[in-house]
Each structure stands twice: as C-alpha cells, then as structure tokens.
Amino acid sequence: MKAVLSAVLWTLAGTVLLVLCLTVVVPRLLGWVPLTVQSGSMSPAIPVGSVVVVDPVGPDPAELERIEVGDVVTFMPRPEDPTLVTHRVTAVGATTGGDPSFITRGDANEQDDADTVTATQLRGVVRYDVPWAGRAAALLDSDQRRVGVILVAVCFLGYAAVHGVRAIRDAAARRPVNSE
C-alpha cells in the first residue's frame, strides 16, 4: 500500500512540476507569454481552459514573414478592446501599403474571420499549448498563483531535504566505528 501511495504521490508531484515548468518557467526564460483560452473557437486542437504559450512578434518584417498558413497566432482584433484572440492563419497577404496581413479562422469555425489581421494587431505566434492547465489558473488571482508556485517549490525542497537528511543518517549508521 505504501509503495502504491508513493507512486501516486510521485506521479502527481511530477505532473504538477511539469505543468509549472511548461506554463511558468519555460515562458519566463524564453520571454514568451502564457495565456488561458477562454472560448471554444480553436477546439478540439486547443480546448477551453488550455494555456497557450505565445512567442511575441515585433514589427520586424523578417519576423512577420516567417508566419505561414497553418500557424496559430494571437492578435488583438480591435484597438479599443484589450481582448486577445487566438486563431489559425488560413492565408497570408499584404495590405495596400505592402505590410504583411493574415486571414485567420478558429478551428471550430466554418468561415474565416471577417477582418484581416495586420502587423499592428498581431501579438505573437503560439509555440505550444498545455491542455486544461488554465482551468486551475483561472480560479486563482495572480497573488494566489504566486503563493501557490512558492508553496509547491517549498514542498519540493522540503521533501528533498528530508530525503537528504535520511540518506546522510543512513550512511552514518552503516559506517563502521573506528575504536583504537
């Protein structure tokens, strides 16, 4: 029973650690941005509650030219509304001024989005998504998430410390006593 409980706890801890790495650590190290998907327009590829990790795209034409049909991008459809949309690029074109533009569509939608996405609207390219990870994050505000990450880190460090102390104690108990 103890072995089964230990295996379950290790699996759970490993899963939590993996999700934290994918949604917090990796994005921070690479300058990417994790966002939670709020609607089903990209289902089933990216279900509601997933975290998409977005690589920001600047106005550099070389960056924009790398975006191809099939890439998933995040953009701000209206300048007065900070709501972001994540959809798949279905066509690449150019504005009348020669700047790149993109036709997008959610995977669950039957038609392309009504408006073309321009370089100024584009926020980034989705590098990967973590299904369902955003559901937990959506329940917590930023302070609670920060405390949660610290708490998980402290638990892992405490667990490692306990095992380290046990290993040292066991090694000392096995060492022969030298009596002269």
N, C-alpha and C. Protein backbone atom coordinates (compact mmCIF):
# COMPACT_ATOMS: atom_id res chain seq x y z
N MET A 1 0.82 -1.20 0.00
CA MET A 1 0.00 0.00 0.00
C MET A 1 0.87 1.26 0.00
N LYS A 2 1.95 1.21 0.80
CA LYS A 2 2.85 2.35 0.90
C LYS A 2 3.51 2.63 -0.45
N ALA A 3 3.88 1.57 -1.17
CA ALA A 3 4.52 1.73 -2.48
C ALA A 3 3.55 2.34 -3.49
N VAL A 4 2.29 1.94 -3.45
CA VAL A 4 1.28 2.48 -4.36
C VAL A 4 1.06 3.97 -4.06
N LEU A 5 0.92 4.31 -2.79
CA LEU A 5 0.73 5.70 -2.39
C LEU A 5 1.93 6.55 -2.81
N SER A 6 3.11 6.02 -2.61
CA SER A 6 4.32 6.73 -3.01
C SER A 6 4.35 6.96 -4.52
N ALA A 7 3.99 5.94 -5.29
CA ALA A 7 3.97 6.06 -6.75
C ALA A 7 2.94 7.11 -7.19
N VAL A 8 1.78 7.11 -6.56
CA VAL A 8 0.74 8.08 -6.90
C VAL A 8 1.22 9.49 -6.57
N LEU A 9 1.81 9.67 -5.40
CA LEU A 9 2.30 10.99 -5.00
C LEU A 9 3.41 11.48 -5.92
N TRP A 10 4.33 10.59 -6.29
CA TRP A 10 5.41 10.96 -7.21
C TRP A 10 4.85 11.33 -8.58
N THR A 11 3.86 10.59 -9.05
CA THR A 11 3.24 10.89 -10.34
C THR A 11 2.54 12.25 -10.28
N LEU A 12 1.80 12.49 -9.21
CA LEU A 12 1.12 13.77 -9.03
C LEU A 12 2.12 14.92 -8.94
N ALA A 13 3.15 14.74 -8.14
CA ALA A 13 4.17 15.78 -8.00
C ALA A 13 4.88 16.04 -9.32
N GLY A 14 5.19 14.98 -10.04
CA GLY A 14 5.85 15.14 -11.34
C GLY A 14 4.96 15.87 -12.34
N THR A 15 3.67 15.56 -12.32
CA THR A 15 2.73 16.22 -13.21
C THR A 15 2.62 17.71 -12.88
N VAL A 16 2.50 18.02 -11.60
CA VAL A 16 2.43 19.43 -11.18
C VAL A 16 3.70 20.17 -11.58
N LEU A 17 4.84 19.55 -11.35
CA LEU A 17 6.12 20.16 -11.70
C LEU A 17 6.22 20.38 -13.21
N LEU A 18 5.81 19.40 -14.00
CA LEU A 18 5.84 19.53 -15.45
C LEU A 18 4.94 20.67 -15.92
N VAL A 19 3.73 20.73 -15.39
CA VAL A 19 2.80 21.79 -15.78
C VAL A 19 3.36 23.17 -15.38
N LEU A 20 3.94 23.27 -14.18
CA LEU A 20 4.54 24.54 -13.76
C LEU A 20 5.69 24.93 -14.67
N CYS A 21 6.50 23.96 -15.04
CA CYS A 21 7.62 24.26 -15.94
C CYS A 21 7.11 24.74 -17.30
N LEU A 22 6.11 24.06 -17.83
CA LEU A 22 5.59 24.41 -19.16
C LEU A 22 4.82 25.72 -19.18
N THR A 23 4.17 26.07 -18.08
CA THR A 23 3.33 27.26 -18.08
C THR A 23 3.96 28.47 -17.39
N VAL A 24 5.02 28.25 -16.62
CA VAL A 24 5.63 29.37 -15.90
C VAL A 24 7.12 29.51 -16.23
N VAL A 25 7.89 28.46 -16.00
CA VAL A 25 9.35 28.55 -16.10
C VAL A 25 9.81 28.76 -17.54
N VAL A 26 9.42 27.86 -18.44
CA VAL A 26 9.88 27.96 -19.83
C VAL A 26 9.47 29.29 -20.46
N PRO A 27 8.21 29.72 -20.33
CA PRO A 27 7.86 31.01 -20.91
C PRO A 27 8.68 32.17 -20.36
N ARG A 28 8.93 32.17 -19.06
CA ARG A 28 9.72 33.27 -18.47
C ARG A 28 11.14 33.27 -19.01
N LEU A 29 11.73 32.10 -19.10
CA LEU A 29 13.12 32.00 -19.59
C LEU A 29 13.24 32.46 -21.04
N LEU A 30 12.22 32.19 -21.85
CA LEU A 30 12.29 32.50 -23.28
C LEU A 30 11.61 33.81 -23.66
N GLY A 31 11.02 34.50 -22.69
CA GLY A 31 10.34 35.75 -22.98
C GLY A 31 8.98 35.56 -23.64
N TRP A 32 8.42 34.37 -23.49
CA TRP A 32 7.12 34.06 -24.06
C TRP A 32 6.03 34.39 -23.04
N VAL A 33 4.78 34.39 -23.50
CA VAL A 33 3.67 34.80 -22.65
C VAL A 33 2.63 33.69 -22.57
N PRO A 34 2.32 33.19 -21.36
CA PRO A 34 1.25 32.20 -21.22
C PRO A 34 -0.11 32.90 -21.13
N LEU A 35 -1.08 32.39 -21.89
CA LEU A 35 -2.44 32.94 -21.89
C LEU A 35 -3.43 31.79 -21.77
N THR A 36 -4.52 32.02 -21.08
CA THR A 36 -5.55 31.00 -20.91
C THR A 36 -6.62 31.15 -21.98
N VAL A 37 -6.98 30.06 -22.62
CA VAL A 37 -8.01 30.05 -23.67
C VAL A 37 -9.38 30.09 -22.99
N GLN A 38 -10.20 31.08 -23.40
CA GLN A 38 -11.50 31.31 -22.77
C GLN A 38 -12.68 30.84 -23.60
N SER A 39 -12.47 30.57 -24.90
CA SER A 39 -13.59 30.16 -25.74
C SER A 39 -13.23 28.91 -26.53
N GLY A 40 -14.23 28.31 -27.15
CA GLY A 40 -14.02 27.06 -27.87
C GLY A 40 -13.73 27.21 -29.35
N SER A 41 -13.37 28.39 -29.81
CA SER A 41 -13.17 28.59 -31.25
C SER A 41 -12.02 27.78 -31.83
N MET A 42 -11.09 27.32 -31.00
CA MET A 42 -9.96 26.52 -31.51
C MET A 42 -10.10 25.04 -31.16
N SER A 43 -11.25 24.64 -30.64
CA SER A 43 -11.49 23.23 -30.32
C SER A 43 -11.58 22.42 -31.60
N PRO A 44 -11.19 21.20 -31.60
CA PRO A 44 -10.65 20.41 -30.49
C PRO A 44 -9.14 20.54 -30.33
N ALA A 45 -8.45 21.21 -31.26
CA ALA A 45 -6.99 21.31 -31.18
C ALA A 45 -6.53 21.97 -29.89
N ILE A 46 -7.20 23.05 -29.50
CA ILE A 46 -6.86 23.76 -28.26
C ILE A 46 -8.16 23.97 -27.50
N PRO A 47 -8.46 23.08 -26.54
CA PRO A 47 -9.73 23.18 -25.81
C PRO A 47 -9.78 24.36 -24.84
N VAL A 48 -11.00 24.75 -24.50
CA VAL A 48 -11.22 25.79 -23.49
C VAL A 48 -10.49 25.37 -22.21
N GLY A 49 -9.83 26.33 -21.57
CA GLY A 49 -9.11 26.06 -20.33
C GLY A 49 -7.66 25.70 -20.56
N SER A 50 -7.23 25.59 -21.79
CA SER A 50 -5.82 25.33 -22.08
C SER A 50 -5.01 26.60 -21.87
N VAL A 51 -3.72 26.43 -21.66
CA VAL A 51 -2.80 27.56 -21.66
C VAL A 51 -2.05 27.52 -22.97
N VAL A 52 -2.10 28.62 -23.73
CA VAL A 52 -1.28 28.73 -24.94
C VAL A 52 -0.07 29.58 -24.57
N VAL A 53 1.09 29.18 -25.05
CA VAL A 53 2.31 29.92 -24.78
C VAL A 53 2.68 30.63 -26.08
N VAL A 54 2.67 31.97 -26.01
CA VAL A 54 2.80 32.82 -27.19
C VAL A 54 4.19 33.47 -27.23
N ASP A 55 4.84 33.32 -28.38
CA ASP A 55 6.12 33.97 -28.64
C ASP A 55 5.81 35.33 -29.26
N PRO A 56 6.06 36.44 -28.52
CA PRO A 56 5.71 37.76 -29.05
C PRO A 56 6.41 38.04 -30.39
N VAL A 57 5.68 38.73 -31.27
CA VAL A 57 6.20 39.10 -32.57
C VAL A 57 6.23 40.62 -32.64
N GLY A 58 7.38 41.15 -33.01
CA GLY A 58 7.51 42.60 -33.16
C GLY A 58 7.18 43.04 -34.57
N PRO A 59 7.36 44.30 -34.84
CA PRO A 59 7.02 44.83 -36.16
C PRO A 59 8.07 44.50 -37.24
N ASP A 60 9.13 43.82 -36.86
CA ASP A 60 10.19 43.48 -37.82
C ASP A 60 9.62 42.63 -38.96
N PRO A 61 9.73 43.11 -40.21
CA PRO A 61 9.18 42.35 -41.33
C PRO A 61 9.72 40.92 -41.44
N ALA A 62 10.97 40.71 -41.05
CA ALA A 62 11.55 39.36 -41.12
C ALA A 62 10.81 38.40 -40.20
N GLU A 63 10.41 38.88 -39.03
CA GLU A 63 9.64 38.05 -38.10
C GLU A 63 8.28 37.72 -38.68
N LEU A 64 7.65 38.72 -39.25
CA LEU A 64 6.30 38.54 -39.79
C LEU A 64 6.30 37.63 -41.01
N GLU A 65 7.36 37.66 -41.78
CA GLU A 65 7.43 36.83 -42.99
C GLU A 65 7.56 35.34 -42.66
N ARG A 66 7.97 35.02 -41.44
CA ARG A 66 8.09 33.61 -41.04
C ARG A 66 6.74 32.99 -40.69
N ILE A 67 5.72 33.81 -40.54
CA ILE A 67 4.39 33.29 -40.21
C ILE A 67 3.78 32.70 -41.48
N GLU A 68 3.35 31.46 -41.37
CA GLU A 68 2.84 30.73 -42.54
C GLU A 68 1.41 30.26 -42.31
N VAL A 69 0.77 29.85 -43.40
CA VAL A 69 -0.55 29.24 -43.32
C VAL A 69 -0.43 28.01 -42.41
N GLY A 70 -1.35 27.88 -41.47
CA GLY A 70 -1.34 26.76 -40.52
C GLY A 70 -0.82 27.16 -39.15
N ASP A 71 -0.04 28.25 -39.05
CA ASP A 71 0.44 28.72 -37.75
C ASP A 71 -0.74 29.24 -36.94
N VAL A 72 -0.65 29.10 -35.64
CA VAL A 72 -1.67 29.65 -34.75
C VAL A 72 -1.09 30.94 -34.16
N VAL A 73 -1.86 32.03 -34.30
CA VAL A 73 -1.39 33.33 -33.85
C VAL A 73 -2.37 33.94 -32.85
N THR A 74 -1.86 34.86 -32.06
CA THR A 74 -2.69 35.60 -31.11
C THR A 74 -2.66 37.06 -31.54
N PHE A 75 -3.84 37.67 -31.58
CA PHE A 75 -3.94 39.05 -32.04
C PHE A 75 -5.02 39.80 -31.28
N MET A 76 -4.96 41.12 -31.37
CA MET A 76 -5.96 41.99 -30.76
C MET A 76 -6.84 42.52 -31.90
N PRO A 77 -8.07 42.02 -32.02
CA PRO A 77 -8.90 42.39 -33.17
C PRO A 77 -9.32 43.85 -33.22
N ARG A 78 -9.50 44.48 -32.06
CA ARG A 78 -9.94 45.88 -32.03
C ARG A 78 -9.04 46.67 -31.09
N PRO A 79 -8.53 47.81 -31.56
CA PRO A 79 -7.60 48.60 -30.73
C PRO A 79 -8.18 49.06 -29.41
N GLU A 80 -9.47 49.31 -29.35
CA GLU A 80 -10.08 49.81 -28.10
C GLU A 80 -10.43 48.69 -27.12
N ASP A 81 -10.26 47.45 -27.54
CA ASP A 81 -10.62 46.29 -26.71
C ASP A 81 -9.37 45.43 -26.48
N PRO A 82 -8.95 45.27 -25.23
CA PRO A 82 -7.72 44.51 -24.97
C PRO A 82 -7.89 42.98 -25.09
N THR A 83 -9.09 42.53 -25.44
CA THR A 83 -9.33 41.09 -25.58
C THR A 83 -8.46 40.53 -26.70
N LEU A 84 -7.81 39.42 -26.42
CA LEU A 84 -6.97 38.76 -27.42
C LEU A 84 -7.70 37.57 -28.01
N VAL A 85 -7.41 37.27 -29.27
CA VAL A 85 -7.99 36.14 -29.97
C VAL A 85 -6.84 35.26 -30.47
N THR A 86 -7.01 33.96 -30.36
CA THR A 86 -6.02 33.01 -30.87
C THR A 86 -6.70 32.16 -31.93
N HIS A 87 -6.25 32.31 -33.18
CA HIS A 87 -6.81 31.58 -34.32
C HIS A 87 -5.69 31.13 -35.25
N ARG A 88 -6.04 30.24 -36.16
CA ARG A 88 -5.09 29.70 -37.13
C ARG A 88 -5.05 30.56 -38.39
N VAL A 89 -3.86 30.77 -38.94
CA VAL A 89 -3.69 31.52 -40.18
C VAL A 89 -4.13 30.63 -41.34
N THR A 90 -5.07 31.16 -42.16
CA THR A 90 -5.55 30.40 -43.32
C THR A 90 -5.01 30.98 -44.63
N ALA A 91 -4.55 32.23 -44.59
CA ALA A 91 -3.96 32.85 -45.79
C ALA A 91 -3.06 33.99 -45.36
N VAL A 92 -2.01 34.21 -46.13
CA VAL A 92 -1.08 35.31 -45.88
C VAL A 92 -1.14 36.24 -47.08
N GLY A 93 -1.24 37.53 -46.82
CA GLY A 93 -1.31 38.51 -47.90
C GLY A 93 -0.56 39.76 -47.52
N ALA A 94 -0.96 40.87 -48.11
CA ALA A 94 -0.33 42.15 -47.82
C ALA A 94 -1.38 43.24 -47.85
N THR A 95 -1.15 44.27 -47.05
CA THR A 95 -2.04 45.43 -47.06
C THR A 95 -1.73 46.26 -48.31
N THR A 96 -2.51 47.29 -48.54
CA THR A 96 -2.25 48.16 -49.70
C THR A 96 -0.90 48.85 -49.58
N GLY A 97 -0.42 49.00 -48.35
CA GLY A 97 0.90 49.60 -48.12
C GLY A 97 2.04 48.60 -48.24
N GLY A 98 1.71 47.34 -48.48
CA GLY A 98 2.74 46.31 -48.64
C GLY A 98 3.11 45.58 -47.37
N ASP A 99 2.50 45.95 -46.24
CA ASP A 99 2.78 45.25 -44.98
C ASP A 99 2.07 43.90 -44.96
N PRO A 100 2.65 42.91 -44.26
CA PRO A 100 2.01 41.59 -44.20
C PRO A 100 0.64 41.68 -43.52
N SER A 101 -0.29 40.86 -43.98
CA SER A 101 -1.59 40.72 -43.34
C SER A 101 -1.97 39.25 -43.36
N PHE A 102 -2.90 38.89 -42.48
CA PHE A 102 -3.22 37.49 -42.30
C PHE A 102 -4.72 37.29 -42.21
N ILE A 103 -5.20 36.25 -42.88
CA ILE A 103 -6.59 35.82 -42.74
C ILE A 103 -6.55 34.68 -41.72
N THR A 104 -7.45 34.74 -40.74
CA THR A 104 -7.45 33.74 -39.67
C THR A 104 -8.82 33.11 -39.53
N ARG A 105 -8.83 31.98 -38.82
CA ARG A 105 -10.09 31.27 -38.53
C ARG A 105 -9.86 30.37 -37.33
N GLY A 106 -10.84 30.33 -36.46
CA GLY A 106 -10.81 29.35 -35.38
C GLY A 106 -11.10 27.97 -35.96
N ASP A 107 -10.44 26.95 -35.46
CA ASP A 107 -10.62 25.59 -35.98
C ASP A 107 -12.07 25.13 -35.91
N ALA A 108 -12.80 25.61 -34.91
CA ALA A 108 -14.20 25.20 -34.76
C ALA A 108 -15.16 26.03 -35.62
N ASN A 109 -14.65 27.06 -36.27
CA ASN A 109 -15.49 27.93 -37.09
C ASN A 109 -15.53 27.44 -38.54
N GLU A 110 -16.63 27.70 -39.21
CA GLU A 110 -16.77 27.27 -40.60
C GLU A 110 -16.26 28.30 -41.59
N GLN A 111 -16.15 29.56 -41.16
CA GLN A 111 -15.72 30.62 -42.06
C GLN A 111 -14.53 31.36 -41.48
N ASP A 112 -13.74 31.96 -42.38
CA ASP A 112 -12.63 32.81 -41.94
C ASP A 112 -13.18 33.99 -41.14
N ASP A 113 -12.31 34.56 -40.29
CA ASP A 113 -12.70 35.75 -39.55
C ASP A 113 -13.00 36.87 -40.55
N ALA A 114 -13.94 37.75 -40.20
CA ALA A 114 -14.39 38.81 -41.11
C ALA A 114 -13.28 39.81 -41.43
N ASP A 115 -12.44 40.10 -40.45
CA ASP A 115 -11.41 41.13 -40.64
C ASP A 115 -10.02 40.50 -40.81
N THR A 116 -9.22 41.13 -41.63
CA THR A 116 -7.83 40.73 -41.83
C THR A 116 -7.02 41.20 -40.63
N VAL A 117 -6.04 40.41 -40.22
CA VAL A 117 -5.16 40.78 -39.11
C VAL A 117 -3.91 41.44 -39.69
N THR A 118 -3.62 42.64 -39.21
CA THR A 118 -2.43 43.36 -39.67
C THR A 118 -1.29 43.20 -38.67
N ALA A 119 -0.13 43.64 -39.05
CA ALA A 119 1.05 43.52 -38.19
C ALA A 119 0.87 44.24 -36.87
N THR A 120 0.16 45.38 -36.86
CA THR A 120 -0.03 46.12 -35.61
C THR A 120 -0.97 45.39 -34.65
N GLN A 121 -1.84 44.54 -35.18
CA GLN A 121 -2.76 43.78 -34.33
C GLN A 121 -2.13 42.50 -33.78
N LEU A 122 -1.16 41.99 -34.49
CA LEU A 122 -0.56 40.71 -34.14
C LEU A 122 0.24 40.82 -32.85
N ARG A 123 0.03 39.89 -31.94
CA ARG A 123 0.76 39.88 -30.68
C ARG A 123 1.82 38.78 -30.64
N GLY A 124 1.58 37.68 -31.33
CA GLY A 124 2.58 36.62 -31.32
C GLY A 124 2.10 35.33 -31.94
N VAL A 125 3.02 34.37 -31.98
CA VAL A 125 2.76 33.06 -32.55
C VAL A 125 2.71 32.05 -31.40
N VAL A 126 1.71 31.20 -31.40
CA VAL A 126 1.59 30.18 -30.36
C VAL A 126 2.66 29.11 -30.60
N ARG A 127 3.49 28.88 -29.60
CA ARG A 127 4.55 27.87 -29.71
C ARG A 127 4.07 26.50 -29.24
N TYR A 128 3.25 26.48 -28.19
CA TYR A 128 2.66 25.22 -27.72
C TYR A 128 1.51 25.53 -26.79
N ASP A 129 0.72 24.51 -26.50
CA ASP A 129 -0.37 24.68 -25.53
C ASP A 129 -0.33 23.54 -24.53
N VAL A 130 -0.85 23.83 -23.35
CA VAL A 130 -0.94 22.84 -22.28
C VAL A 130 -2.42 22.68 -21.95
N PRO A 131 -3.04 21.59 -22.44
CA PRO A 131 -4.48 21.41 -22.24
C PRO A 131 -4.87 21.45 -20.76
N TRP A 132 -5.94 22.14 -20.47
CA TRP A 132 -6.60 22.22 -19.17
C TRP A 132 -5.80 22.95 -18.09
N ALA A 133 -4.58 23.32 -18.33
CA ALA A 133 -3.77 23.98 -17.29
C ALA A 133 -4.33 25.33 -16.89
N GLY A 134 -5.03 25.97 -17.78
CA GLY A 134 -5.59 27.28 -17.47
C GLY A 134 -6.79 27.24 -16.57
N ARG A 135 -7.44 26.10 -16.47
CA ARG A 135 -8.62 26.00 -15.59
C ARG A 135 -8.24 26.29 -14.14
N ALA A 136 -7.14 25.71 -13.68
CA ALA A 136 -6.69 25.96 -12.31
C ALA A 136 -6.24 27.41 -12.16
N ALA A 137 -5.52 27.91 -13.15
CA ALA A 137 -5.03 29.29 -13.09
C ALA A 137 -6.19 30.28 -13.09
N ALA A 138 -7.28 29.97 -13.79
CA ALA A 138 -8.42 30.87 -13.86
C ALA A 138 -9.14 31.00 -12.51
N LEU A 139 -8.99 30.00 -11.67
CA LEU A 139 -9.64 30.03 -10.36
C LEU A 139 -8.88 30.91 -9.36
N LEU A 140 -7.64 31.22 -9.69
CA LEU A 140 -6.78 31.95 -8.75
C LEU A 140 -6.39 33.30 -9.33
N ASP A 141 -6.26 34.31 -8.44
CA ASP A 141 -5.74 35.58 -8.92
C ASP A 141 -4.21 35.51 -8.94
N SER A 142 -3.55 36.54 -9.43
CA SER A 142 -2.10 36.48 -9.61
C SER A 142 -1.35 36.29 -8.29
N ASP A 143 -1.81 36.91 -7.21
CA ASP A 143 -1.15 36.73 -5.91
C ASP A 143 -1.28 35.29 -5.43
N GLN A 144 -2.47 34.71 -5.60
CA GLN A 144 -2.68 33.32 -5.18
C GLN A 144 -1.82 32.37 -6.01
N ARG A 145 -1.69 32.65 -7.31
CA ARG A 145 -0.83 31.80 -8.17
C ARG A 145 0.62 31.90 -7.71
N ARG A 146 1.07 33.11 -7.41
CA ARG A 146 2.45 33.31 -6.96
C ARG A 146 2.70 32.55 -5.66
N VAL A 147 1.78 32.66 -4.72
CA VAL A 147 1.90 31.93 -3.46
C VAL A 147 1.89 30.42 -3.72
N GLY A 148 1.04 29.97 -4.63
CA GLY A 148 0.97 28.55 -4.97
C GLY A 148 2.26 28.03 -5.54
N VAL A 149 2.88 28.80 -6.43
CA VAL A 149 4.15 28.38 -7.02
C VAL A 149 5.22 28.30 -5.93
N ILE A 150 5.26 29.30 -5.05
CA ILE A 150 6.24 29.29 -3.96
C ILE A 150 5.98 28.12 -3.03
N LEU A 151 4.72 27.86 -2.71
CA LEU A 151 4.37 26.75 -1.83
C LEU A 151 4.80 25.41 -2.42
N VAL A 152 4.53 25.21 -3.71
CA VAL A 152 4.94 23.97 -4.36
C VAL A 152 6.46 23.83 -4.33
N ALA A 153 7.18 24.93 -4.60
CA ALA A 153 8.64 24.89 -4.58
C ALA A 153 9.16 24.55 -3.18
N VAL A 154 8.56 25.14 -2.16
CA VAL A 154 8.96 24.86 -0.78
C VAL A 154 8.69 23.40 -0.43
N CYS A 155 7.56 22.88 -0.88
CA CYS A 155 7.24 21.46 -0.62
C CYS A 155 8.27 20.55 -1.27
N PHE A 156 8.63 20.83 -2.52
CA PHE A 156 9.65 20.01 -3.19
C PHE A 156 10.99 20.12 -2.48
N LEU A 157 11.38 21.32 -2.08
CA LEU A 157 12.65 21.50 -1.37
C LEU A 157 12.61 20.79 -0.01
N GLY A 158 11.50 20.90 0.69
CA GLY A 158 11.36 20.21 1.98
C GLY A 158 11.44 18.71 1.82
N TYR A 159 10.77 18.20 0.80
CA TYR A 159 10.81 16.76 0.54
C TYR A 159 12.24 16.32 0.23
N ALA A 160 12.94 17.11 -0.59
CA ALA A 160 14.33 16.78 -0.92
C ALA A 160 15.21 16.85 0.32
N ALA A 161 14.97 17.83 1.18
CA ALA A 161 15.77 17.96 2.40
C ALA A 161 15.57 16.77 3.33
N VAL A 162 14.33 16.35 3.49
CA VAL A 162 14.04 15.19 4.34
C VAL A 162 14.77 13.96 3.82
N HIS A 163 14.72 13.73 2.51
CA HIS A 163 15.40 12.57 1.94
C HIS A 163 16.91 12.70 2.04
N GLY A 164 17.42 13.92 1.92
CA GLY A 164 18.86 14.14 2.07
C GLY A 164 19.33 13.84 3.48
N VAL A 165 18.57 14.30 4.47
CA VAL A 165 18.92 14.03 5.88
C VAL A 165 18.85 12.54 6.15
N ARG A 166 17.83 11.86 5.64
CA ARG A 166 17.72 10.41 5.83
C ARG A 166 18.89 9.68 5.19
N ALA A 167 19.30 10.10 4.02
CA ALA A 167 20.42 9.45 3.35
C ALA A 167 21.71 9.63 4.15
N ILE A 168 21.93 10.83 4.67
CA ILE A 168 23.13 11.08 5.47
C ILE A 168 23.09 10.26 6.75
N ARG A 169 21.93 10.21 7.40
CA ARG A 169 21.78 9.43 8.64
C ARG A 169 22.01 7.95 8.38
N ASP A 170 21.44 7.42 7.28
CA ASP A 170 21.63 6.00 6.95
C ASP A 170 23.08 5.70 6.62
N ALA A 171 23.75 6.61 5.93
CA ALA A 171 25.17 6.41 5.60
C ALA A 171 26.01 6.42 6.86
N ALA A 172 25.68 7.30 7.79
CA ALA A 172 26.43 7.36 9.06
C ALA A 172 26.20 6.10 9.89
N ALA A 173 25.00 5.56 9.84
CA ALA A 173 24.69 4.35 10.62
C ALA A 173 25.41 3.13 10.05
N ARG A 174 25.67 3.11 8.75
CA ARG A 174 26.36 1.98 8.13
C ARG A 174 27.88 2.08 8.25
N ARG A 175 28.41 3.24 8.55
CA ARG A 175 29.84 3.44 8.63
C ARG A 175 30.37 2.74 9.88
N PRO A 176 31.43 1.95 9.72
CA PRO A 176 31.98 1.25 10.90
C PRO A 176 32.61 2.25 11.86
N VAL A 177 32.44 1.93 13.14
CA VAL A 177 33.02 2.76 14.19
C VAL A 177 34.47 2.35 14.35
N ASN A 178 35.37 3.29 14.33
CA ASN A 178 36.79 3.03 14.43
C ASN A 178 37.20 3.19 15.90
N SER A 179 37.49 2.10 16.60
CA SER A 179 37.85 2.19 18.01
C SER A 179 39.29 1.74 18.19
N GLU A 180 40.09 2.62 18.61
CA GLU A 180 41.52 2.31 18.81
C GLU A 180 41.92 2.43 20.23
